[in-house]
Amino acid sequence: NTVLVAGLIGLLLGIVAALVYEPV
């Protein structure tokens, strides 16, 4: 569960980073 939750959080943060990458 720890690995799954941490992986999901990392994925969501990665998606956010991908959305703001080009504007930044």
PDBML (XML) file of the C-alpha atoms, coordinates in Angstrom:
<?xml version="1.0" encoding="UTF-8" ?>
<PDBx:datablock datablockName="MODEL"
   xmlns:PDBx="http://pdbml.pdb.org/schema/pdbx-v50.xsd"
   xmlns:xsi="http://www.w3.org/2001/XMLSchema-instance"
   xsi:schemaLocation="http://pdbml.pdb.org/schema/pdbx-v50.xsd pdbx-v50.xsd">
   <PDBx:atom_siteCategory>
      <PDBx:atom_site id="1">
         <PDBx:B_iso_or_equiv>0.00</PDBx:B_iso_or_equiv>
         <PDBx:Cartn_x>0.000</PDBx:Cartn_x>
         <PDBx:Cartn_y>0.000</PDBx:Cartn_y>
         <PDBx:Cartn_z>0.000</PDBx:Cartn_z>
         <PDBx:auth_asym_id>A</PDBx:auth_asym_id>
         <PDBx:auth_atom_id>CA</PDBx:auth_atom_id>
         <PDBx:auth_comp_id>ASN</PDBx:auth_comp_id>
         <PDBx:auth_seq_id>1</PDBx:auth_seq_id>
         <PDBx:group_PDB>ATOM</PDBx:group_PDB>
         <PDBx:label_alt_id xsi:nil="true" />
         <PDBx:label_asym_id>A</PDBx:label_asym_id>
         <PDBx:label_atom_id>CA</PDBx:label_atom_id>
         <PDBx:label_comp_id>ASN</PDBx:label_comp_id>
         <PDBx:label_entity_id>1</PDBx:label_entity_id>
         <PDBx:label_seq_id>1</PDBx:label_seq_id>
         <PDBx:occupancy>1.00</PDBx:occupancy>
         <PDBx:pdbx_PDB_model_num>1</PDBx:pdbx_PDB_model_num>
         <PDBx:type_symbol>C</PDBx:type_symbol>
      </PDBx:atom_site>
      <PDBx:atom_site id="2">
         <PDBx:B_iso_or_equiv>0.00</PDBx:B_iso_or_equiv>
         <PDBx:Cartn_x>2.850</PDBx:Cartn_x>
         <PDBx:Cartn_y>2.377</PDBx:Cartn_y>
         <PDBx:Cartn_z>0.774</PDBx:Cartn_z>
         <PDBx:auth_asym_id>A</PDBx:auth_asym_id>
         <PDBx:auth_atom_id>CA</PDBx:auth_atom_id>
         <PDBx:auth_comp_id>THR</PDBx:auth_comp_id>
         <PDBx:auth_seq_id>2</PDBx:auth_seq_id>
         <PDBx:group_PDB>ATOM</PDBx:group_PDB>
         <PDBx:label_alt_id xsi:nil="true" />
         <PDBx:label_asym_id>A</PDBx:label_asym_id>
         <PDBx:label_atom_id>CA</PDBx:label_atom_id>
         <PDBx:label_comp_id>THR</PDBx:label_comp_id>
         <PDBx:label_entity_id>1</PDBx:label_entity_id>
         <PDBx:label_seq_id>2</PDBx:label_seq_id>
         <PDBx:occupancy>1.00</PDBx:occupancy>
         <PDBx:pdbx_PDB_model_num>1</PDBx:pdbx_PDB_model_num>
         <PDBx:type_symbol>C</PDBx:type_symbol>
      </PDBx:atom_site>
      <PDBx:atom_site id="3">
         <PDBx:B_iso_or_equiv>0.00</PDBx:B_iso_or_equiv>
         <PDBx:Cartn_x>4.431</PDBx:Cartn_x>
         <PDBx:Cartn_y>1.794</PDBx:Cartn_y>
         <PDBx:Cartn_z>-2.637</PDBx:Cartn_z>
         <PDBx:auth_asym_id>A</PDBx:auth_asym_id>
         <PDBx:auth_atom_id>CA</PDBx:auth_atom_id>
         <PDBx:auth_comp_id>VAL</PDBx:auth_comp_id>
         <PDBx:auth_seq_id>3</PDBx:auth_seq_id>
         <PDBx:group_PDB>ATOM</PDBx:group_PDB>
         <PDBx:label_alt_id xsi:nil="true" />
         <PDBx:label_asym_id>A</PDBx:label_asym_id>
         <PDBx:label_atom_id>CA</PDBx:label_atom_id>
         <PDBx:label_comp_id>VAL</PDBx:label_comp_id>
         <PDBx:label_entity_id>1</PDBx:label_entity_id>
         <PDBx:label_seq_id>3</PDBx:label_seq_id>
         <PDBx:occupancy>1.00</PDBx:occupancy>
         <PDBx:pdbx_PDB_model_num>1</PDBx:pdbx_PDB_model_num>
         <PDBx:type_symbol>C</PDBx:type_symbol>
      </PDBx:atom_site>
      <PDBx:atom_site id="4">
         <PDBx:B_iso_or_equiv>0.00</PDBx:B_iso_or_equiv>
         <PDBx:Cartn_x>1.092</PDBx:Cartn_x>
         <PDBx:Cartn_y>2.151</PDBx:Cartn_y>
         <PDBx:Cartn_z>-4.459</PDBx:Cartn_z>
         <PDBx:auth_asym_id>A</PDBx:auth_asym_id>
         <PDBx:auth_atom_id>CA</PDBx:auth_atom_id>
         <PDBx:auth_comp_id>LEU</PDBx:auth_comp_id>
         <PDBx:auth_seq_id>4</PDBx:auth_seq_id>
         <PDBx:group_PDB>ATOM</PDBx:group_PDB>
         <PDBx:label_alt_id xsi:nil="true" />
         <PDBx:label_asym_id>A</PDBx:label_asym_id>
         <PDBx:label_atom_id>CA</PDBx:label_atom_id>
         <PDBx:label_comp_id>LEU</PDBx:label_comp_id>
         <PDBx:label_entity_id>1</PDBx:label_entity_id>
         <PDBx:label_seq_id>4</PDBx:label_seq_id>
         <PDBx:occupancy>1.00</PDBx:occupancy>
         <PDBx:pdbx_PDB_model_num>1</PDBx:pdbx_PDB_model_num>
         <PDBx:type_symbol>C</PDBx:type_symbol>
      </PDBx:atom_site>
      <PDBx:atom_site id="5">
         <PDBx:B_iso_or_equiv>0.00</PDBx:B_iso_or_equiv>
         <PDBx:Cartn_x>0.141</PDBx:Cartn_x>
         <PDBx:Cartn_y>5.369</PDBx:Cartn_y>
         <PDBx:Cartn_z>-2.685</PDBx:Cartn_z>
         <PDBx:auth_asym_id>A</PDBx:auth_asym_id>
         <PDBx:auth_atom_id>CA</PDBx:auth_atom_id>
         <PDBx:auth_comp_id>VAL</PDBx:auth_comp_id>
         <PDBx:auth_seq_id>5</PDBx:auth_seq_id>
         <PDBx:group_PDB>ATOM</PDBx:group_PDB>
         <PDBx:label_alt_id xsi:nil="true" />
         <PDBx:label_asym_id>A</PDBx:label_asym_id>
         <PDBx:label_atom_id>CA</PDBx:label_atom_id>
         <PDBx:label_comp_id>VAL</PDBx:label_comp_id>
         <PDBx:label_entity_id>1</PDBx:label_entity_id>
         <PDBx:label_seq_id>5</PDBx:label_seq_id>
         <PDBx:occupancy>1.00</PDBx:occupancy>
         <PDBx:pdbx_PDB_model_num>1</PDBx:pdbx_PDB_model_num>
         <PDBx:type_symbol>C</PDBx:type_symbol>
      </PDBx:atom_site>
      <PDBx:atom_site id="6">
         <PDBx:B_iso_or_equiv>0.00</PDBx:B_iso_or_equiv>
         <PDBx:Cartn_x>3.590</PDBx:Cartn_x>
         <PDBx:Cartn_y>6.882</PDBx:Cartn_y>
         <PDBx:Cartn_z>-3.163</PDBx:Cartn_z>
         <PDBx:auth_asym_id>A</PDBx:auth_asym_id>
         <PDBx:auth_atom_id>CA</PDBx:auth_atom_id>
         <PDBx:auth_comp_id>ALA</PDBx:auth_comp_id>
         <PDBx:auth_seq_id>6</PDBx:auth_seq_id>
         <PDBx:group_PDB>ATOM</PDBx:group_PDB>
         <PDBx:label_alt_id xsi:nil="true" />
         <PDBx:label_asym_id>A</PDBx:label_asym_id>
         <PDBx:label_atom_id>CA</PDBx:label_atom_id>
         <PDBx:label_comp_id>ALA</PDBx:label_comp_id>
         <PDBx:label_entity_id>1</PDBx:label_entity_id>
         <PDBx:label_seq_id>6</PDBx:label_seq_id>
         <PDBx:occupancy>1.00</PDBx:occupancy>
         <PDBx:pdbx_PDB_model_num>1</PDBx:pdbx_PDB_model_num>
         <PDBx:type_symbol>C</PDBx:type_symbol>
      </PDBx:atom_site>
      <PDBx:atom_site id="7">
         <PDBx:B_iso_or_equiv>0.00</PDBx:B_iso_or_equiv>
         <PDBx:Cartn_x>3.568</PDBx:Cartn_x>
         <PDBx:Cartn_y>5.867</PDBx:Cartn_y>
         <PDBx:Cartn_z>-6.850</PDBx:Cartn_z>
         <PDBx:auth_asym_id>A</PDBx:auth_asym_id>
         <PDBx:auth_atom_id>CA</PDBx:auth_atom_id>
         <PDBx:auth_comp_id>GLY</PDBx:auth_comp_id>
         <PDBx:auth_seq_id>7</PDBx:auth_seq_id>
         <PDBx:group_PDB>ATOM</PDBx:group_PDB>
         <PDBx:label_alt_id xsi:nil="true" />
         <PDBx:label_asym_id>A</PDBx:label_asym_id>
         <PDBx:label_atom_id>CA</PDBx:label_atom_id>
         <PDBx:label_comp_id>GLY</PDBx:label_comp_id>
         <PDBx:label_entity_id>1</PDBx:label_entity_id>
         <PDBx:label_seq_id>7</PDBx:label_seq_id>
         <PDBx:occupancy>1.00</PDBx:occupancy>
         <PDBx:pdbx_PDB_model_num>1</PDBx:pdbx_PDB_model_num>
         <PDBx:type_symbol>C</PDBx:type_symbol>
      </PDBx:atom_site>
      <PDBx:atom_site id="8">
         <PDBx:B_iso_or_equiv>0.00</PDBx:B_iso_or_equiv>
         <PDBx:Cartn_x>0.135</PDBx:Cartn_x>
         <PDBx:Cartn_y>7.414</PDBx:Cartn_y>
         <PDBx:Cartn_z>-7.375</PDBx:Cartn_z>
         <PDBx:auth_asym_id>A</PDBx:auth_asym_id>
         <PDBx:auth_atom_id>CA</PDBx:auth_atom_id>
         <PDBx:auth_comp_id>LEU</PDBx:auth_comp_id>
         <PDBx:auth_seq_id>8</PDBx:auth_seq_id>
         <PDBx:group_PDB>ATOM</PDBx:group_PDB>
         <PDBx:label_alt_id xsi:nil="true" />
         <PDBx:label_asym_id>A</PDBx:label_asym_id>
         <PDBx:label_atom_id>CA</PDBx:label_atom_id>
         <PDBx:label_comp_id>LEU</PDBx:label_comp_id>
         <PDBx:label_entity_id>1</PDBx:label_entity_id>
         <PDBx:label_seq_id>8</PDBx:label_seq_id>
         <PDBx:occupancy>1.00</PDBx:occupancy>
         <PDBx:pdbx_PDB_model_num>1</PDBx:pdbx_PDB_model_num>
         <PDBx:type_symbol>C</PDBx:type_symbol>
      </PDBx:atom_site>
      <PDBx:atom_site id="9">
         <PDBx:B_iso_or_equiv>0.00</PDBx:B_iso_or_equiv>
         <PDBx:Cartn_x>1.214</PDBx:Cartn_x>
         <PDBx:Cartn_y>10.641</PDBx:Cartn_y>
         <PDBx:Cartn_z>-5.713</PDBx:Cartn_z>
         <PDBx:auth_asym_id>A</PDBx:auth_asym_id>
         <PDBx:auth_atom_id>CA</PDBx:auth_atom_id>
         <PDBx:auth_comp_id>ILE</PDBx:auth_comp_id>
         <PDBx:auth_seq_id>9</PDBx:auth_seq_id>
         <PDBx:group_PDB>ATOM</PDBx:group_PDB>
         <PDBx:label_alt_id xsi:nil="true" />
         <PDBx:label_asym_id>A</PDBx:label_asym_id>
         <PDBx:label_atom_id>CA</PDBx:label_atom_id>
         <PDBx:label_comp_id>ILE</PDBx:label_comp_id>
         <PDBx:label_entity_id>1</PDBx:label_entity_id>
         <PDBx:label_seq_id>9</PDBx:label_seq_id>
         <PDBx:occupancy>1.00</PDBx:occupancy>
         <PDBx:pdbx_PDB_model_num>1</PDBx:pdbx_PDB_model_num>
         <PDBx:type_symbol>C</PDBx:type_symbol>
      </PDBx:atom_site>
      <PDBx:atom_site id="10">
         <PDBx:B_iso_or_equiv>0.00</PDBx:B_iso_or_equiv>
         <PDBx:Cartn_x>4.359</PDBx:Cartn_x>
         <PDBx:Cartn_y>10.713</PDBx:Cartn_y>
         <PDBx:Cartn_z>-7.870</PDBx:Cartn_z>
         <PDBx:auth_asym_id>A</PDBx:auth_asym_id>
         <PDBx:auth_atom_id>CA</PDBx:auth_atom_id>
         <PDBx:auth_comp_id>GLY</PDBx:auth_comp_id>
         <PDBx:auth_seq_id>10</PDBx:auth_seq_id>
         <PDBx:group_PDB>ATOM</PDBx:group_PDB>
         <PDBx:label_alt_id xsi:nil="true" />
         <PDBx:label_asym_id>A</PDBx:label_asym_id>
         <PDBx:label_atom_id>CA</PDBx:label_atom_id>
         <PDBx:label_comp_id>GLY</PDBx:label_comp_id>
         <PDBx:label_entity_id>1</PDBx:label_entity_id>
         <PDBx:label_seq_id>10</PDBx:label_seq_id>
         <PDBx:occupancy>1.00</PDBx:occupancy>
         <PDBx:pdbx_PDB_model_num>1</PDBx:pdbx_PDB_model_num>
         <PDBx:type_symbol>C</PDBx:type_symbol>
      </PDBx:atom_site>
      <PDBx:atom_site id="11">
         <PDBx:B_iso_or_equiv>0.00</PDBx:B_iso_or_equiv>
         <PDBx:Cartn_x>2.271</PDBx:Cartn_x>
         <PDBx:Cartn_y>10.143</PDBx:Cartn_y>
         <PDBx:Cartn_z>-11.009</PDBx:Cartn_z>
         <PDBx:auth_asym_id>A</PDBx:auth_asym_id>
         <PDBx:auth_atom_id>CA</PDBx:auth_atom_id>
         <PDBx:auth_comp_id>LEU</PDBx:auth_comp_id>
         <PDBx:auth_seq_id>11</PDBx:auth_seq_id>
         <PDBx:group_PDB>ATOM</PDBx:group_PDB>
         <PDBx:label_alt_id xsi:nil="true" />
         <PDBx:label_asym_id>A</PDBx:label_asym_id>
         <PDBx:label_atom_id>CA</PDBx:label_atom_id>
         <PDBx:label_comp_id>LEU</PDBx:label_comp_id>
         <PDBx:label_entity_id>1</PDBx:label_entity_id>
         <PDBx:label_seq_id>11</PDBx:label_seq_id>
         <PDBx:occupancy>1.00</PDBx:occupancy>
         <PDBx:pdbx_PDB_model_num>1</PDBx:pdbx_PDB_model_num>
         <PDBx:type_symbol>C</PDBx:type_symbol>
      </PDBx:atom_site>
      <PDBx:atom_site id="12">
         <PDBx:B_iso_or_equiv>0.00</PDBx:B_iso_or_equiv>
         <PDBx:Cartn_x>-0.109</PDBx:Cartn_x>
         <PDBx:Cartn_y>12.989</PDBx:Cartn_y>
         <PDBx:Cartn_z>-10.154</PDBx:Cartn_z>
         <PDBx:auth_asym_id>A</PDBx:auth_asym_id>
         <PDBx:auth_atom_id>CA</PDBx:auth_atom_id>
         <PDBx:auth_comp_id>LEU</PDBx:auth_comp_id>
         <PDBx:auth_seq_id>12</PDBx:auth_seq_id>
         <PDBx:group_PDB>ATOM</PDBx:group_PDB>
         <PDBx:label_alt_id xsi:nil="true" />
         <PDBx:label_asym_id>A</PDBx:label_asym_id>
         <PDBx:label_atom_id>CA</PDBx:label_atom_id>
         <PDBx:label_comp_id>LEU</PDBx:label_comp_id>
         <PDBx:label_entity_id>1</PDBx:label_entity_id>
         <PDBx:label_seq_id>12</PDBx:label_seq_id>
         <PDBx:occupancy>1.00</PDBx:occupancy>
         <PDBx:pdbx_PDB_model_num>1</PDBx:pdbx_PDB_model_num>
         <PDBx:type_symbol>C</PDBx:type_symbol>
      </PDBx:atom_site>
      <PDBx:atom_site id="13">
         <PDBx:B_iso_or_equiv>0.00</PDBx:B_iso_or_equiv>
         <PDBx:Cartn_x>2.793</PDBx:Cartn_x>
         <PDBx:Cartn_y>15.322</PDBx:Cartn_y>
         <PDBx:Cartn_z>-9.451</PDBx:Cartn_z>
         <PDBx:auth_asym_id>A</PDBx:auth_asym_id>
         <PDBx:auth_atom_id>CA</PDBx:auth_atom_id>
         <PDBx:auth_comp_id>LEU</PDBx:auth_comp_id>
         <PDBx:auth_seq_id>13</PDBx:auth_seq_id>
         <PDBx:group_PDB>ATOM</PDBx:group_PDB>
         <PDBx:label_alt_id xsi:nil="true" />
         <PDBx:label_asym_id>A</PDBx:label_asym_id>
         <PDBx:label_atom_id>CA</PDBx:label_atom_id>
         <PDBx:label_comp_id>LEU</PDBx:label_comp_id>
         <PDBx:label_entity_id>1</PDBx:label_entity_id>
         <PDBx:label_seq_id>13</PDBx:label_seq_id>
         <PDBx:occupancy>1.00</PDBx:occupancy>
         <PDBx:pdbx_PDB_model_num>1</PDBx:pdbx_PDB_model_num>
         <PDBx:type_symbol>C</PDBx:type_symbol>
      </PDBx:atom_site>
      <PDBx:atom_site id="14">
         <PDBx:B_iso_or_equiv>0.00</PDBx:B_iso_or_equiv>
         <PDBx:Cartn_x>4.368</PDBx:Cartn_x>
         <PDBx:Cartn_y>14.279</PDBx:Cartn_y>
         <PDBx:Cartn_z>-12.743</PDBx:Cartn_z>
         <PDBx:auth_asym_id>A</PDBx:auth_asym_id>
         <PDBx:auth_atom_id>CA</PDBx:auth_atom_id>
         <PDBx:auth_comp_id>GLY</PDBx:auth_comp_id>
         <PDBx:auth_seq_id>14</PDBx:auth_seq_id>
         <PDBx:group_PDB>ATOM</PDBx:group_PDB>
         <PDBx:label_alt_id xsi:nil="true" />
         <PDBx:label_asym_id>A</PDBx:label_asym_id>
         <PDBx:label_atom_id>CA</PDBx:label_atom_id>
         <PDBx:label_comp_id>GLY</PDBx:label_comp_id>
         <PDBx:label_entity_id>1</PDBx:label_entity_id>
         <PDBx:label_seq_id>14</PDBx:label_seq_id>
         <PDBx:occupancy>1.00</PDBx:occupancy>
         <PDBx:pdbx_PDB_model_num>1</PDBx:pdbx_PDB_model_num>
         <PDBx:type_symbol>C</PDBx:type_symbol>
      </PDBx:atom_site>
      <PDBx:atom_site id="15">
         <PDBx:B_iso_or_equiv>0.00</PDBx:B_iso_or_equiv>
         <PDBx:Cartn_x>1.151</PDBx:Cartn_x>
         <PDBx:Cartn_y>15.105</PDBx:Cartn_y>
         <PDBx:Cartn_z>-14.623</PDBx:Cartn_z>
         <PDBx:auth_asym_id>A</PDBx:auth_asym_id>
         <PDBx:auth_atom_id>CA</PDBx:auth_atom_id>
         <PDBx:auth_comp_id>ILE</PDBx:auth_comp_id>
         <PDBx:auth_seq_id>15</PDBx:auth_seq_id>
         <PDBx:group_PDB>ATOM</PDBx:group_PDB>
         <PDBx:label_alt_id xsi:nil="true" />
         <PDBx:label_asym_id>A</PDBx:label_asym_id>
         <PDBx:label_atom_id>CA</PDBx:label_atom_id>
         <PDBx:label_comp_id>ILE</PDBx:label_comp_id>
         <PDBx:label_entity_id>1</PDBx:label_entity_id>
         <PDBx:label_seq_id>15</PDBx:label_seq_id>
         <PDBx:occupancy>1.00</PDBx:occupancy>
         <PDBx:pdbx_PDB_model_num>1</PDBx:pdbx_PDB_model_num>
         <PDBx:type_symbol>C</PDBx:type_symbol>
      </PDBx:atom_site>
      <PDBx:atom_site id="16">
         <PDBx:B_iso_or_equiv>0.00</PDBx:B_iso_or_equiv>
         <PDBx:Cartn_x>1.009</PDBx:Cartn_x>
         <PDBx:Cartn_y>18.518</PDBx:Cartn_y>
         <PDBx:Cartn_z>-12.970</PDBx:Cartn_z>
         <PDBx:auth_asym_id>A</PDBx:auth_asym_id>
         <PDBx:auth_atom_id>CA</PDBx:auth_atom_id>
         <PDBx:auth_comp_id>VAL</PDBx:auth_comp_id>
         <PDBx:auth_seq_id>16</PDBx:auth_seq_id>
         <PDBx:group_PDB>ATOM</PDBx:group_PDB>
         <PDBx:label_alt_id xsi:nil="true" />
         <PDBx:label_asym_id>A</PDBx:label_asym_id>
         <PDBx:label_atom_id>CA</PDBx:label_atom_id>
         <PDBx:label_comp_id>VAL</PDBx:label_comp_id>
         <PDBx:label_entity_id>1</PDBx:label_entity_id>
         <PDBx:label_seq_id>16</PDBx:label_seq_id>
         <PDBx:occupancy>1.00</PDBx:occupancy>
         <PDBx:pdbx_PDB_model_num>1</PDBx:pdbx_PDB_model_num>
         <PDBx:type_symbol>C</PDBx:type_symbol>
      </PDBx:atom_site>
      <PDBx:atom_site id="17">
         <PDBx:B_iso_or_equiv>0.00</PDBx:B_iso_or_equiv>
         <PDBx:Cartn_x>4.663</PDBx:Cartn_x>
         <PDBx:Cartn_y>19.082</PDBx:Cartn_y>
         <PDBx:Cartn_z>-13.863</PDBx:Cartn_z>
         <PDBx:auth_asym_id>A</PDBx:auth_asym_id>
         <PDBx:auth_atom_id>CA</PDBx:auth_atom_id>
         <PDBx:auth_comp_id>ALA</PDBx:auth_comp_id>
         <PDBx:auth_seq_id>17</PDBx:auth_seq_id>
         <PDBx:group_PDB>ATOM</PDBx:group_PDB>
         <PDBx:label_alt_id xsi:nil="true" />
         <PDBx:label_asym_id>A</PDBx:label_asym_id>
         <PDBx:label_atom_id>CA</PDBx:label_atom_id>
         <PDBx:label_comp_id>ALA</PDBx:label_comp_id>
         <PDBx:label_entity_id>1</PDBx:label_entity_id>
         <PDBx:label_seq_id>17</PDBx:label_seq_id>
         <PDBx:occupancy>1.00</PDBx:occupancy>
         <PDBx:pdbx_PDB_model_num>1</PDBx:pdbx_PDB_model_num>
         <PDBx:type_symbol>C</PDBx:type_symbol>
      </PDBx:atom_site>
      <PDBx:atom_site id="18">
         <PDBx:B_iso_or_equiv>0.00</PDBx:B_iso_or_equiv>
         <PDBx:Cartn_x>3.951</PDBx:Cartn_x>
         <PDBx:Cartn_y>18.116</PDBx:Cartn_y>
         <PDBx:Cartn_z>-17.487</PDBx:Cartn_z>
         <PDBx:auth_asym_id>A</PDBx:auth_asym_id>
         <PDBx:auth_atom_id>CA</PDBx:auth_atom_id>
         <PDBx:auth_comp_id>ALA</PDBx:auth_comp_id>
         <PDBx:auth_seq_id>18</PDBx:auth_seq_id>
         <PDBx:group_PDB>ATOM</PDBx:group_PDB>
         <PDBx:label_alt_id xsi:nil="true" />
         <PDBx:label_asym_id>A</PDBx:label_asym_id>
         <PDBx:label_atom_id>CA</PDBx:label_atom_id>
         <PDBx:label_comp_id>ALA</PDBx:label_comp_id>
         <PDBx:label_entity_id>1</PDBx:label_entity_id>
         <PDBx:label_seq_id>18</PDBx:label_seq_id>
         <PDBx:occupancy>1.00</PDBx:occupancy>
         <PDBx:pdbx_PDB_model_num>1</PDBx:pdbx_PDB_model_num>
         <PDBx:type_symbol>C</PDBx:type_symbol>
      </PDBx:atom_site>
      <PDBx:atom_site id="19">
         <PDBx:B_iso_or_equiv>0.00</PDBx:B_iso_or_equiv>
         <PDBx:Cartn_x>1.074</PDBx:Cartn_x>
         <PDBx:Cartn_y>20.618</PDBx:Cartn_y>
         <PDBx:Cartn_z>-17.681</PDBx:Cartn_z>
         <PDBx:auth_asym_id>A</PDBx:auth_asym_id>
         <PDBx:auth_atom_id>CA</PDBx:auth_atom_id>
         <PDBx:auth_comp_id>LEU</PDBx:auth_comp_id>
         <PDBx:auth_seq_id>19</PDBx:auth_seq_id>
         <PDBx:group_PDB>ATOM</PDBx:group_PDB>
         <PDBx:label_alt_id xsi:nil="true" />
         <PDBx:label_asym_id>A</PDBx:label_asym_id>
         <PDBx:label_atom_id>CA</PDBx:label_atom_id>
         <PDBx:label_comp_id>LEU</PDBx:label_comp_id>
         <PDBx:label_entity_id>1</PDBx:label_entity_id>
         <PDBx:label_seq_id>19</PDBx:label_seq_id>
         <PDBx:occupancy>1.00</PDBx:occupancy>
         <PDBx:pdbx_PDB_model_num>1</PDBx:pdbx_PDB_model_num>
         <PDBx:type_symbol>C</PDBx:type_symbol>
      </PDBx:atom_site>
      <PDBx:atom_site id="20">
         <PDBx:B_iso_or_equiv>0.00</PDBx:B_iso_or_equiv>
         <PDBx:Cartn_x>3.099</PDBx:Cartn_x>
         <PDBx:Cartn_y>23.524</PDBx:Cartn_y>
         <PDBx:Cartn_z>-16.298</PDBx:Cartn_z>
         <PDBx:auth_asym_id>A</PDBx:auth_asym_id>
         <PDBx:auth_atom_id>CA</PDBx:auth_atom_id>
         <PDBx:auth_comp_id>VAL</PDBx:auth_comp_id>
         <PDBx:auth_seq_id>20</PDBx:auth_seq_id>
         <PDBx:group_PDB>ATOM</PDBx:group_PDB>
         <PDBx:label_alt_id xsi:nil="true" />
         <PDBx:label_asym_id>A</PDBx:label_asym_id>
         <PDBx:label_atom_id>CA</PDBx:label_atom_id>
         <PDBx:label_comp_id>VAL</PDBx:label_comp_id>
         <PDBx:label_entity_id>1</PDBx:label_entity_id>
         <PDBx:label_seq_id>20</PDBx:label_seq_id>
         <PDBx:occupancy>1.00</PDBx:occupancy>
         <PDBx:pdbx_PDB_model_num>1</PDBx:pdbx_PDB_model_num>
         <PDBx:type_symbol>C</PDBx:type_symbol>
      </PDBx:atom_site>
      <PDBx:atom_site id="21">
         <PDBx:B_iso_or_equiv>0.00</PDBx:B_iso_or_equiv>
         <PDBx:Cartn_x>6.424</PDBx:Cartn_x>
         <PDBx:Cartn_y>22.555</PDBx:Cartn_y>
         <PDBx:Cartn_z>-17.878</PDBx:Cartn_z>
         <PDBx:auth_asym_id>A</PDBx:auth_asym_id>
         <PDBx:auth_atom_id>CA</PDBx:auth_atom_id>
         <PDBx:auth_comp_id>TYR</PDBx:auth_comp_id>
         <PDBx:auth_seq_id>21</PDBx:auth_seq_id>
         <PDBx:group_PDB>ATOM</PDBx:group_PDB>
         <PDBx:label_alt_id xsi:nil="true" />
         <PDBx:label_asym_id>A</PDBx:label_asym_id>
         <PDBx:label_atom_id>CA</PDBx:label_atom_id>
         <PDBx:label_comp_id>TYR</PDBx:label_comp_id>
         <PDBx:label_entity_id>1</PDBx:label_entity_id>
         <PDBx:label_seq_id>21</PDBx:label_seq_id>
         <PDBx:occupancy>1.00</PDBx:occupancy>
         <PDBx:pdbx_PDB_model_num>1</PDBx:pdbx_PDB_model_num>
         <PDBx:type_symbol>C</PDBx:type_symbol>
      </PDBx:atom_site>
      <PDBx:atom_site id="22">
         <PDBx:B_iso_or_equiv>0.00</PDBx:B_iso_or_equiv>
         <PDBx:Cartn_x>6.120</PDBx:Cartn_x>
         <PDBx:Cartn_y>24.531</PDBx:Cartn_y>
         <PDBx:Cartn_z>-21.122</PDBx:Cartn_z>
         <PDBx:auth_asym_id>A</PDBx:auth_asym_id>
         <PDBx:auth_atom_id>CA</PDBx:auth_atom_id>
         <PDBx:auth_comp_id>GLU</PDBx:auth_comp_id>
         <PDBx:auth_seq_id>22</PDBx:auth_seq_id>
         <PDBx:group_PDB>ATOM</PDBx:group_PDB>
         <PDBx:label_alt_id xsi:nil="true" />
         <PDBx:label_asym_id>A</PDBx:label_asym_id>
         <PDBx:label_atom_id>CA</PDBx:label_atom_id>
         <PDBx:label_comp_id>GLU</PDBx:label_comp_id>
         <PDBx:label_entity_id>1</PDBx:label_entity_id>
         <PDBx:label_seq_id>22</PDBx:label_seq_id>
         <PDBx:occupancy>1.00</PDBx:occupancy>
         <PDBx:pdbx_PDB_model_num>1</PDBx:pdbx_PDB_model_num>
         <PDBx:type_symbol>C</PDBx:type_symbol>
      </PDBx:atom_site>
      <PDBx:atom_site id="23">
         <PDBx:B_iso_or_equiv>0.00</PDBx:B_iso_or_equiv>
         <PDBx:Cartn_x>4.624</PDBx:Cartn_x>
         <PDBx:Cartn_y>27.715</PDBx:Cartn_y>
         <PDBx:Cartn_z>-19.576</PDBx:Cartn_z>
         <PDBx:auth_asym_id>A</PDBx:auth_asym_id>
         <PDBx:auth_atom_id>CA</PDBx:auth_atom_id>
         <PDBx:auth_comp_id>PRO</PDBx:auth_comp_id>
         <PDBx:auth_seq_id>23</PDBx:auth_seq_id>
         <PDBx:group_PDB>ATOM</PDBx:group_PDB>
         <PDBx:label_alt_id xsi:nil="true" />
         <PDBx:label_asym_id>A</PDBx:label_asym_id>
         <PDBx:label_atom_id>CA</PDBx:label_atom_id>
         <PDBx:label_comp_id>PRO</PDBx:label_comp_id>
         <PDBx:label_entity_id>1</PDBx:label_entity_id>
         <PDBx:label_seq_id>23</PDBx:label_seq_id>
         <PDBx:occupancy>1.00</PDBx:occupancy>
         <PDBx:pdbx_PDB_model_num>1</PDBx:pdbx_PDB_model_num>
         <PDBx:type_symbol>C</PDBx:type_symbol>
      </PDBx:atom_site>
      <PDBx:atom_site id="24">
         <PDBx:B_iso_or_equiv>0.00</PDBx:B_iso_or_equiv>
         <PDBx:Cartn_x>7.329</PDBx:Cartn_x>
         <PDBx:Cartn_y>27.749</PDBx:Cartn_y>
         <PDBx:Cartn_z>-16.911</PDBx:Cartn_z>
         <PDBx:auth_asym_id>A</PDBx:auth_asym_id>
         <PDBx:auth_atom_id>CA</PDBx:auth_atom_id>
         <PDBx:auth_comp_id>VAL</PDBx:auth_comp_id>
         <PDBx:auth_seq_id>24</PDBx:auth_seq_id>
         <PDBx:group_PDB>ATOM</PDBx:group_PDB>
         <PDBx:label_alt_id xsi:nil="true" />
         <PDBx:label_asym_id>A</PDBx:label_asym_id>
         <PDBx:label_atom_id>CA</PDBx:label_atom_id>
         <PDBx:label_comp_id>VAL</PDBx:label_comp_id>
         <PDBx:label_entity_id>1</PDBx:label_entity_id>
         <PDBx:label_seq_id>24</PDBx:label_seq_id>
         <PDBx:occupancy>1.00</PDBx:occupancy>
         <PDBx:pdbx_PDB_model_num>1</PDBx:pdbx_PDB_model_num>
         <PDBx:type_symbol>C</PDBx:type_symbol>
      </PDBx:atom_site>
   </PDBx:atom_siteCategory>
</PDBx:datablock>
